[in-house]
C-alpha cells in the first residue's frame, strides 16, 4: 500500500473530487479525515470507505474559518500524532459564463479570495505540524495556464494563478523540512460540474474543454485520484514546487 499509516486531511471531502481522492487514499492504507461544511455528503463518502475496510473520520469544518481549521488540525494530530497529507478541494464558488467586462466585482473577486484564504489557512495549519515532524505533502488542485479565449471563466483562472504562486512560495520555504508542495493541474473535470449548471452552459464547457485537449477528452475523477495517490506517496519523493500535468494535453510544457 502506497500510503499505509499516513494521515490525510481532505477539505471538501464530501464533493465529487474530494470523495474520489479520499476513497483512493483509504484504499492505499491512509487514515483519512474528511472535512466539510455539510455532514451528509461527508457521511456518504465515509460510508463507502468504511464498507471497503478503510479508516475514515469526518468533521464539520468551515475551511474559510481560521479558528475552525486550526482546531481541527490540532485534533487530528492529537488523535493520530501526525498530518502527512493535506489536500484542499473545496468549491471556490466561481461565477462563469459572463464576460469580465460585464461581471460584477463581487462575482469576480469571490473565487480569488476564497481560493487564497482557504488554501492559506489549511496549508498553514498542516505545515506547522509537518515542520515538527519534518515531513509531509501539501497538495493543491487546479493549475495555471494561458488565458482561454472566449471562455468567460470569471475569476477562476486568476485565483488559480494566485494559488500557483502560493504553492511555489510554500515549496521554497518548507522544502528544508522535507515538506513537498505540488499542484494537480487539470483542464477541468467534467464529471465534477455541479448538477445545477445551466444545460447550455454545461454543453459549452464540455465542448470547449474536450476540443482544446490533445486527447480530445478531459481527465476523469479516477485519473485525479490515481495521480493524487502518486503525488502523496514516496514514489514522488523528489517532486516539489511543480505541477503534475493531467490536462490531457490542453497545456504542453
C-alpha atoms as a PDB file:
ATOM      1  CA  UNK A   1       0.000   0.000   0.000  1.00  0.00           C
ATOM      2  CA  UNK A   2       1.470   3.327  -1.086  1.00  0.00           C
ATOM      3  CA  UNK A   3       0.024   5.382   1.788  1.00  0.00           C
ATOM      4  CA  UNK A   4      -0.002   2.836   4.602  1.00  0.00           C
ATOM      5  CA  UNK A   5      -0.487   4.512   8.009  1.00  0.00           C
ATOM      6  CA  UNK A   6      -0.322   8.038   6.573  1.00  0.00           C
ATOM      7  CA  UNK A   7      -2.748  10.606   7.955  1.00  0.00           C
ATOM      8  CA  UNK A   8      -4.543  12.520   5.201  1.00  0.00           C
ATOM      9  CA  UNK A   9      -6.810  15.520   5.722  1.00  0.00           C
ATOM     10  CA  UNK A  10      -9.120  16.313   2.811  1.00  0.00           C
ATOM     11  CA  UNK A  11     -11.117  19.521   2.884  1.00  0.00           C
ATOM     12  CA  UNK A  12     -14.210  19.315   0.712  1.00  0.00           C
ATOM     13  CA  UNK A  13     -14.100  15.572   1.239  1.00  0.00           C
ATOM     14  CA  UNK A  14     -17.797  15.172   0.521  1.00  0.00           C
ATOM     15  CA  UNK A  15     -17.544  16.553  -3.009  1.00  0.00           C
ATOM     16  CA  UNK A  16     -17.076  14.541  -6.183  1.00  0.00           C
ATOM     17  CA  UNK A  17     -13.334  15.203  -6.453  1.00  0.00           C
ATOM     18  CA  UNK A  18     -12.666  15.115  -2.725  1.00  0.00           C
ATOM     19  CA  UNK A  19     -14.613  11.890  -2.392  1.00  0.00           C
ATOM     20  CA  UNK A  20     -12.733  10.224  -5.235  1.00  0.00           C
ATOM     21  CA  UNK A  21      -9.380  11.173  -3.718  1.00  0.00           C
ATOM     22  CA  UNK A  22     -10.478  10.093  -0.242  1.00  0.00           C
ATOM     23  CA  UNK A  23     -11.553   6.646  -1.436  1.00  0.00           C
ATOM     24  CA  UNK A  24      -8.259   6.185  -3.277  1.00  0.00           C
ATOM     25  CA  UNK A  25      -6.220   7.262  -0.260  1.00  0.00           C
ATOM     26  CA  UNK A  26      -8.109   4.904   2.022  1.00  0.00           C
ATOM     27  CA  UNK A  27      -7.632   2.037  -0.448  1.00  0.00           C
ATOM     28  CA  UNK A  28      -3.890   2.680  -0.270  1.00  0.00           C
ATOM     29  CA  UNK A  29      -3.858   2.451   3.525  1.00  0.00           C
ATOM     30  CA  UNK A  30      -4.196   6.078   4.638  1.00  0.00           C
ATOM     31  CA  UNK A  31      -6.203   7.141   7.684  1.00  0.00           C
ATOM     32  CA  UNK A  32      -8.494   9.688   6.044  1.00  0.00           C
ATOM     33  CA  UNK A  33     -10.031  12.684   7.776  1.00  0.00           C
ATOM     34  CA  UNK A  34     -12.838  14.244   5.757  1.00  0.00           C
ATOM     35  CA  UNK A  35     -13.679  17.877   6.487  1.00  0.00           C
ATOM     36  CA  UNK A  36     -16.521  19.927   5.060  1.00  0.00           C
ATOM     37  CA  UNK A  37     -19.387  22.229   5.935  1.00  0.00           C
ATOM     38  CA  UNK A  38     -22.210  19.765   5.294  1.00  0.00           C
ATOM     39  CA  UNK A  39     -22.288  16.433   7.155  1.00  0.00           C
ATOM     40  CA  UNK A  40     -24.440  14.379   4.770  1.00  0.00           C
ATOM     41  CA  UNK A  41     -22.004  14.262   1.804  1.00  0.00           C
ATOM     42  CA  UNK A  42     -19.127  13.542   4.177  1.00  0.00           C
ATOM     43  CA  UNK A  43     -21.000  10.637   5.706  1.00  0.00           C
ATOM     44  CA  UNK A  44     -21.802   9.174   2.273  1.00  0.00           C
ATOM     45  CA  UNK A  45     -18.122   9.104   1.338  1.00  0.00           C
ATOM     46  CA  UNK A  46     -17.185   7.811   4.787  1.00  0.00           C
ATOM     47  CA  UNK A  47     -19.737   5.007   4.455  1.00  0.00           C
ATOM     48  CA  UNK A  48     -18.161   3.886   1.171  1.00  0.00           C
ATOM     49  CA  UNK A  49     -14.701   3.869   2.717  1.00  0.00           C
ATOM     50  CA  UNK A  50     -15.858   2.095   5.854  1.00  0.00           C
ATOM     51  CA  UNK A  51     -17.641  -0.600   3.883  1.00  0.00           C
ATOM     52  CA  UNK A  52     -14.402  -1.262   1.997  1.00  0.00           C
ATOM     53  CA  UNK A  53     -12.497  -1.677   5.247  1.00  0.00           C
ATOM     54  CA  UNK A  54     -10.779   1.706   5.199  1.00  0.00           C
ATOM     55  CA  UNK A  55     -10.106   4.067   8.089  1.00  0.00           C
ATOM     56  CA  UNK A  56     -12.058   7.303   7.923  1.00  0.00           C
ATOM     57  CA  UNK A  57     -13.391  10.026  10.189  1.00  0.00           C
ATOM     58  CA  UNK A  58     -15.483  13.087   9.422  1.00  0.00           C
ATOM     59  CA  UNK A  59     -15.781  16.567  10.886  1.00  0.00           C
ATOM     60  CA  UNK A  60     -17.907  19.582  10.056  1.00  0.00           C
ATOM     61  CA  UNK A  61     -15.341  22.296   9.365  1.00  0.00           C
ATOM     62  CA  UNK A  62     -15.651  25.593   7.525  1.00  0.00           C
ATOM     63  CA  UNK A  63     -12.347  25.718   5.670  1.00  0.00           C
ATOM     64  CA  UNK A  64     -12.633  29.511   5.449  1.00  0.00           C
ATOM     65  CA  UNK A  65     -12.755  29.852   9.250  1.00  0.00           C
ATOM     66  CA  UNK A  66      -9.280  30.291  10.725  1.00  0.00           C
ATOM     67  CA  UNK A  67     -10.169  29.062  14.201  1.00  0.00           C
ATOM     68  CA  UNK A  68     -12.084  26.036  12.917  1.00  0.00           C
ATOM     69  CA  UNK A  69      -9.265  24.963  10.610  1.00  0.00           C
ATOM     70  CA  UNK A  70      -6.609  25.275  13.309  1.00  0.00           C
ATOM     71  CA  UNK A  71      -8.724  23.463  15.902  1.00  0.00           C
ATOM     72  CA  UNK A  72      -9.458  20.584  13.522  1.00  0.00           C
ATOM     73  CA  UNK A  73      -5.789  20.195  12.599  1.00  0.00           C
ATOM     74  CA  UNK A  74      -4.837  20.145  16.278  1.00  0.00           C
ATOM     75  CA  UNK A  75      -7.478  17.493  16.922  1.00  0.00           C
ATOM     76  CA  UNK A  76      -6.202  15.304  14.068  1.00  0.00           C
ATOM     77  CA  UNK A  77      -2.657  15.499  15.451  1.00  0.00           C
ATOM     78  CA  UNK A  78      -3.863  14.732  18.963  1.00  0.00           C
ATOM     79  CA  UNK A  79      -5.640  11.627  17.669  1.00  0.00           C
ATOM     80  CA  UNK A  80      -3.034  10.307  15.233  1.00  0.00           C
ATOM     81  CA  UNK A  81       0.249  12.033  16.018  1.00  0.00           C
ATOM     82  CA  UNK A  82       0.756  13.475  12.534  1.00  0.00           C
ATOM     83  CA  UNK A  83      -0.612  15.137   9.429  1.00  0.00           C
ATOM     84  CA  UNK A  84       1.136  13.618   6.445  1.00  0.00           C
ATOM     85  CA  UNK A  85      -1.061  14.845   3.588  1.00  0.00           C
ATOM     86  CA  UNK A  86      -3.251  17.940   3.310  1.00  0.00           C
ATOM     87  CA  UNK A  87      -5.419  18.470   0.238  1.00  0.00           C
ATOM     88  CA  UNK A  88      -7.928  21.301  -0.111  1.00  0.00           C
ATOM     89  CA  UNK A  89     -10.701  20.528  -2.600  1.00  0.00           C
ATOM     90  CA  UNK A  90     -13.489  22.862  -1.527  1.00  0.00           C
ATOM     91  CA  UNK A  91     -15.514  24.784  -4.099  1.00  0.00           C
ATOM     92  CA  UNK A  92     -14.358  28.320  -4.872  1.00  0.00           C
ATOM     93  CA  UNK A  93     -17.865  29.461  -5.844  1.00  0.00           C
ATOM     94  CA  UNK A  94     -16.947  30.628  -9.323  1.00  0.00           C
ATOM     95  CA  UNK A  95     -19.435  32.594 -11.417  1.00  0.00           C
ATOM     96  CA  UNK A  96     -18.841  31.548 -15.035  1.00  0.00           C
ATOM     97  CA  UNK A  97     -20.460  32.328 -18.346  1.00  0.00           C
ATOM     98  CA  UNK A  98     -20.314  36.128 -18.040  1.00  0.00           C
ATOM     99  CA  UNK A  99     -17.536  38.104 -19.789  1.00  0.00           C
ATOM    100  CA  UNK A 100     -15.252  40.028 -17.428  1.00  0.00           C
ATOM    101  CA  UNK A 101     -16.416  43.319 -18.917  1.00  0.00           C
ATOM    102  CA  UNK A 102     -19.930  42.552 -17.678  1.00  0.00           C
ATOM    103  CA  UNK A 103     -19.077  40.757 -14.426  1.00  0.00           C
ATOM    104  CA  UNK A 104     -19.881  42.270 -11.034  1.00  0.00           C
ATOM    105  CA  UNK A 105     -16.902  42.950  -8.790  1.00  0.00           C
ATOM    106  CA  UNK A 106     -18.207  40.662  -6.043  1.00  0.00           C
ATOM    107  CA  UNK A 107     -18.604  37.785  -8.511  1.00  0.00           C
ATOM    108  CA  UNK A 108     -15.095  38.327  -9.871  1.00  0.00           C
ATOM    109  CA  UNK A 109     -13.258  38.546  -6.571  1.00  0.00           C
ATOM    110  CA  UNK A 110     -15.174  35.836  -4.699  1.00  0.00           C
ATOM    111  CA  UNK A 111     -13.307  32.800  -6.137  1.00  0.00           C
ATOM    112  CA  UNK A 112      -9.967  34.608  -5.899  1.00  0.00           C
ATOM    113  CA  UNK A 113     -10.394  35.473  -2.227  1.00  0.00           C
ATOM    114  CA  UNK A 114     -11.935  32.094  -1.418  1.00  0.00           C
ATOM    115  CA  UNK A 115      -9.157  30.118  -3.103  1.00  0.00           C
ATOM    116  CA  UNK A 116      -6.358  32.048  -1.417  1.00  0.00           C
ATOM    117  CA  UNK A 117      -7.951  32.260   2.019  1.00  0.00           C
ATOM    118  CA  UNK A 118      -8.881  28.611   2.352  1.00  0.00           C
ATOM    119  CA  UNK A 119      -5.643  27.241   0.924  1.00  0.00           C
ATOM    120  CA  UNK A 120      -3.534  29.556   3.052  1.00  0.00           C
ATOM    121  CA  UNK A 121      -5.387  28.542   6.212  1.00  0.00           C
ATOM    122  CA  UNK A 122      -5.335  24.802   5.569  1.00  0.00           C
ATOM    123  CA  UNK A 123      -1.729  24.596   4.378  1.00  0.00           C
ATOM    124  CA  UNK A 124      -0.572  26.768   7.280  1.00  0.00           C
ATOM    125  CA  UNK A 125      -2.345  24.527   9.789  1.00  0.00           C
ATOM    126  CA  UNK A 126      -0.786  21.408   8.264  1.00  0.00           C
ATOM    127  CA  UNK A 127       2.650  22.971   7.765  1.00  0.00           C
ATOM    128  CA  UNK A 128       3.001  23.800  11.464  1.00  0.00           C
ATOM    129  CA  UNK A 129       2.757  20.096  12.284  1.00  0.00           C
ATOM    130  CA  UNK A 130       4.748  18.972   9.256  1.00  0.00           C
ATOM    131  CA  UNK A 131       7.630  21.225  10.305  1.00  0.00           C
ATOM    132  CA  UNK A 132       7.723  19.452  13.677  1.00  0.00           C
ATOM    133  CA  UNK A 133       7.703  16.013  12.078  1.00  0.00           C
ATOM    134  CA  UNK A 134       9.963  17.167   9.214  1.00  0.00           C
ATOM    135  CA  UNK A 135       7.870  15.581   6.509  1.00  0.00           C
ATOM    136  CA  UNK A 136       4.582  15.986   4.682  1.00  0.00           C
ATOM    137  CA  UNK A 137       2.839  16.775   1.421  1.00  0.00           C
ATOM    138  CA  UNK A 138       0.701  19.820   0.643  1.00  0.00           C
ATOM    139  CA  UNK A 139      -1.467  19.354  -2.429  1.00  0.00           C
ATOM    140  CA  UNK A 140      -3.260  21.984  -4.486  1.00  0.00           C
ATOM    141  CA  UNK A 141      -5.856  21.474  -7.186  1.00  0.00           C
ATOM    142  CA  UNK A 142      -6.446  23.423 -10.380  1.00  0.00           C
ATOM    143  CA  UNK A 143      -3.463  24.643 -12.304  1.00  0.00           C
ATOM    144  CA  UNK A 144      -2.078  27.532 -14.198  1.00  0.00           C
ATOM    145  CA  UNK A 145      -2.123  28.106 -17.930  1.00  0.00           C
ATOM    146  CA  UNK A 146      -2.538  30.560 -20.746  1.00  0.00           C
ATOM    147  CA  UNK A 147      -5.731  32.664 -20.824  1.00  0.00           C
ATOM    148  CA  UNK A 148      -8.559  30.857 -22.551  1.00  0.00           C
ATOM    149  CA  UNK A 149     -10.084  32.857 -25.365  1.00  0.00           C
ATOM    150  CA  UNK A 150     -13.828  33.331 -25.111  1.00  0.00           C
ATOM    151  CA  UNK A 151     -14.315  31.053 -22.116  1.00  0.00           C
ATOM    152  CA  UNK A 152     -15.829  33.597 -19.688  1.00  0.00           C
ATOM    153  CA  UNK A 153     -14.289  31.912 -16.659  1.00  0.00           C
ATOM    154  CA  UNK A 154     -14.810  34.821 -14.296  1.00  0.00           C
ATOM    155  CA  UNK A 155     -12.229  34.934 -11.518  1.00  0.00           C
ATOM    156  CA  UNK A 156     -11.388  31.218 -11.784  1.00  0.00           C
ATOM    157  CA  UNK A 157      -8.097  31.466 -13.649  1.00  0.00           C
ATOM    158  CA  UNK A 158      -6.953  34.496 -11.656  1.00  0.00           C
ATOM    159  CA  UNK A 159      -7.497  32.562  -8.434  1.00  0.00           C
ATOM    160  CA  UNK A 160      -5.638  29.533  -9.764  1.00  0.00           C
ATOM    161  CA  UNK A 161      -2.683  31.666 -10.839  1.00  0.00           C
ATOM    162  CA  UNK A 162      -2.544  33.112  -7.328  1.00  0.00           C
ATOM    163  CA  UNK A 163      -2.625  29.608  -5.854  1.00  0.00           C
ATOM    164  CA  UNK A 164       0.269  28.646  -8.092  1.00  0.00           C
ATOM    165  CA  UNK A 165       2.322  31.456  -6.564  1.00  0.00           C
ATOM    166  CA  UNK A 166       1.317  30.384  -3.046  1.00  0.00           C
ATOM    167  CA  UNK A 167       2.361  26.811  -3.795  1.00  0.00           C
ATOM    168  CA  UNK A 168       5.746  27.927  -5.121  1.00  0.00           C
ATOM    169  CA  UNK A 169       6.430  30.043  -2.054  1.00  0.00           C
ATOM    170  CA  UNK A 170       5.442  27.254   0.320  1.00  0.00           C
ATOM    171  CA  UNK A 171       7.648  24.790  -1.535  1.00  0.00           C
ATOM    172  CA  UNK A 172      10.598  27.166  -1.220  1.00  0.00           C
ATOM    173  CA  UNK A 173      10.063  27.900   2.459  1.00  0.00           C
ATOM    174  CA  UNK A 174       9.266  24.364   3.587  1.00  0.00           C
ATOM    175  CA  UNK A 175      11.498  22.190   1.439  1.00  0.00           C
ATOM    176  CA  UNK A 176      14.258  22.222   4.024  1.00  0.00           C
ATOM    177  CA  UNK A 177      11.901  20.477   6.433  1.00  0.00           C
ATOM    178  CA  UNK A 178      11.213  17.666   3.981  1.00  0.00           C
ATOM    179  CA  UNK A 179       7.796  19.081   3.091  1.00  0.00           C
ATOM    180  CA  UNK A 180       6.667  18.912  -0.529  1.00  0.00           C
ATOM    181  CA  UNK A 181       4.103  21.168  -2.261  1.00  0.00           C
ATOM    182  CA  UNK A 182       2.505  20.118  -5.536  1.00  0.00           C
ATOM    183  CA  UNK A 183      -0.396  21.078  -7.754  1.00  0.00           C
ATOM    184  CA  UNK A 184      -2.593  18.679  -9.685  1.00  0.00           C
ATOM    185  CA  UNK A 185      -3.073  20.675 -12.875  1.00  0.00           C
ATOM    186  CA  UNK A 186      -6.205  19.855 -14.840  1.00  0.00           C
ATOM    187  CA  UNK A 187      -8.130  21.292 -17.747  1.00  0.00           C
ATOM    188  CA  UNK A 188     -11.386  20.747 -15.882  1.00  0.00           C
ATOM    189  CA  UNK A 189     -13.061  17.615 -14.542  1.00  0.00           C
ATOM    190  CA  UNK A 190     -16.320  17.304 -16.440  1.00  0.00           C
ATOM    191  CA  UNK A 191     -17.759  14.736 -14.025  1.00  0.00           C
ATOM    192  CA  UNK A 192     -17.492  17.382 -11.300  1.00  0.00           C
ATOM    193  CA  UNK A 193     -19.678  20.010 -12.980  1.00  0.00           C
ATOM    194  CA  UNK A 194     -22.471  20.747 -10.485  1.00  0.00           C
ATOM    195  CA  UNK A 195     -25.866  19.350 -11.499  1.00  0.00           C
ATOM    196  CA  UNK A 196     -27.473  22.792 -11.237  1.00  0.00           C
ATOM    197  CA  UNK A 197     -25.376  24.299 -14.048  1.00  0.00           C
ATOM    198  CA  UNK A 198     -27.421  25.555 -16.982  1.00  0.00           C
ATOM    199  CA  UNK A 199     -27.677  22.861 -19.684  1.00  0.00           C
ATOM    200  CA  UNK A 200     -26.463  25.117 -22.489  1.00  0.00           C
ATOM    201  CA  UNK A 201     -23.500  26.364 -20.452  1.00  0.00           C
ATOM    202  CA  UNK A 202     -22.660  22.784 -19.421  1.00  0.00           C
ATOM    203  CA  UNK A 203     -22.604  21.791 -23.114  1.00  0.00           C
ATOM    204  CA  UNK A 204     -20.300  24.724 -23.848  1.00  0.00           C
ATOM    205  CA  UNK A 205     -17.919  23.763 -21.053  1.00  0.00           C
ATOM    206  CA  UNK A 206     -17.751  20.141 -22.197  1.00  0.00           C
ATOM    207  CA  UNK A 207     -17.214  21.011 -25.857  1.00  0.00           C
ATOM    208  CA  UNK A 208     -14.575  23.667 -25.194  1.00  0.00           C
ATOM    209  CA  UNK A 209     -12.715  21.530 -22.668  1.00  0.00           C
ATOM    210  CA  UNK A 210     -12.522  18.466 -24.885  1.00  0.00           C
ATOM    211  CA  UNK A 211     -11.715  20.462 -28.026  1.00  0.00           C
ATOM    212  CA  UNK A 212      -8.604  22.074 -26.564  1.00  0.00           C
ATOM    213  CA  UNK A 213      -7.013  18.840 -25.344  1.00  0.00           C
ATOM    214  CA  UNK A 214      -4.684  16.727 -27.442  1.00  0.00           C
ATOM    215  CA  UNK A 215      -6.502  13.580 -26.343  1.00  0.00           C
ATOM    216  CA  UNK A 216      -9.943  15.093 -27.041  1.00  0.00           C
ATOM    217  CA  UNK A 217     -11.131  14.235 -23.551  1.00  0.00           C
ATOM    218  CA  UNK A 218     -10.743  15.531 -20.033  1.00  0.00           C
ATOM    219  CA  UNK A 219      -9.197  13.742 -17.074  1.00  0.00           C
ATOM    220  CA  UNK A 220     -11.671  11.655 -15.105  1.00  0.00           C
ATOM    221  CA  UNK A 221     -12.247  11.523 -11.360  1.00  0.00           C
ATOM    222  CA  UNK A 222     -10.354   8.222 -11.354  1.00  0.00           C
ATOM    223  CA  UNK A 223      -7.430   9.894 -13.127  1.00  0.00           C
ATOM    224  CA  UNK A 224      -7.314  12.631 -10.490  1.00  0.00           C
ATOM    225  CA  UNK A 225      -7.469  10.106  -7.653  1.00  0.00           C
ATOM    226  CA  UNK A 226      -4.667   7.977  -9.107  1.00  0.00           C
ATOM    227  CA  UNK A 227      -2.357  10.964  -9.587  1.00  0.00           C
ATOM    228  CA  UNK A 228      -3.220  12.255  -6.101  1.00  0.00           C
ATOM    229  CA  UNK A 229      -2.094   8.918  -4.640  1.00  0.00           C
ATOM    230  CA  UNK A 230       1.163   9.062  -6.578  1.00  0.00           C
ATOM    231  CA  UNK A 231       1.812  12.691  -5.585  1.00  0.00           C
ATOM    232  CA  UNK A 232       1.342  11.925  -1.896  1.00  0.00           C
ATOM    233  CA  UNK A 233       3.432   8.752  -1.960  1.00  0.00           C
ATOM    234  CA  UNK A 234       7.164   8.169  -1.692  1.00  0.00           C
ATOM    235  CA  UNK A 235       7.191   7.411  -5.416  1.00  0.00           C
ATOM    236  CA  UNK A 236       7.025  11.211  -5.862  1.00  0.00           C
ATOM    237  CA  UNK A 237       9.536  11.991  -3.097  1.00  0.00           C
ATOM    238  CA  UNK A 238      11.720  14.074  -5.441  1.00  0.00           C
ATOM    239  CA  UNK A 239       8.844  16.220  -6.745  1.00  0.00           C
ATOM    240  CA  UNK A 240       8.060  19.589  -5.189  1.00  0.00           C
ATOM    241  CA  UNK A 241       7.371  23.142  -6.289  1.00  0.00           C
ATOM    242  CA  UNK A 242       5.793  21.970  -9.526  1.00  0.00           C
ATOM    243  CA  UNK A 243       2.545  20.819 -11.087  1.00  0.00           C
ATOM    244  CA  UNK A 244       1.572  17.357 -12.233  1.00  0.00           C
ATOM    245  CA  UNK A 245       0.051  17.977 -15.642  1.00  0.00           C
ATOM    246  CA  UNK A 246      -3.084  15.902 -16.162  1.00  0.00           C
ATOM    247  CA  UNK A 247      -4.677  18.268 -18.677  1.00  0.00           C
ATOM    248  CA  UNK A 248      -4.783  15.595 -21.416  1.00  0.00           C
ATOM    249  CA  UNK A 249      -2.610  17.909 -23.482  1.00  0.00           C
ATOM    250  CA  UNK A 250      -4.546  21.145 -23.038  1.00  0.00           C
ATOM    251  CA  UNK A 251      -1.309  22.530 -21.603  1.00  0.00           C
ATOM    252  CA  UNK A 252       2.000  21.340 -23.033  1.00  0.00           C
ATOM    253  CA  UNK A 253       5.310  22.038 -21.299  1.00  0.00           C
END
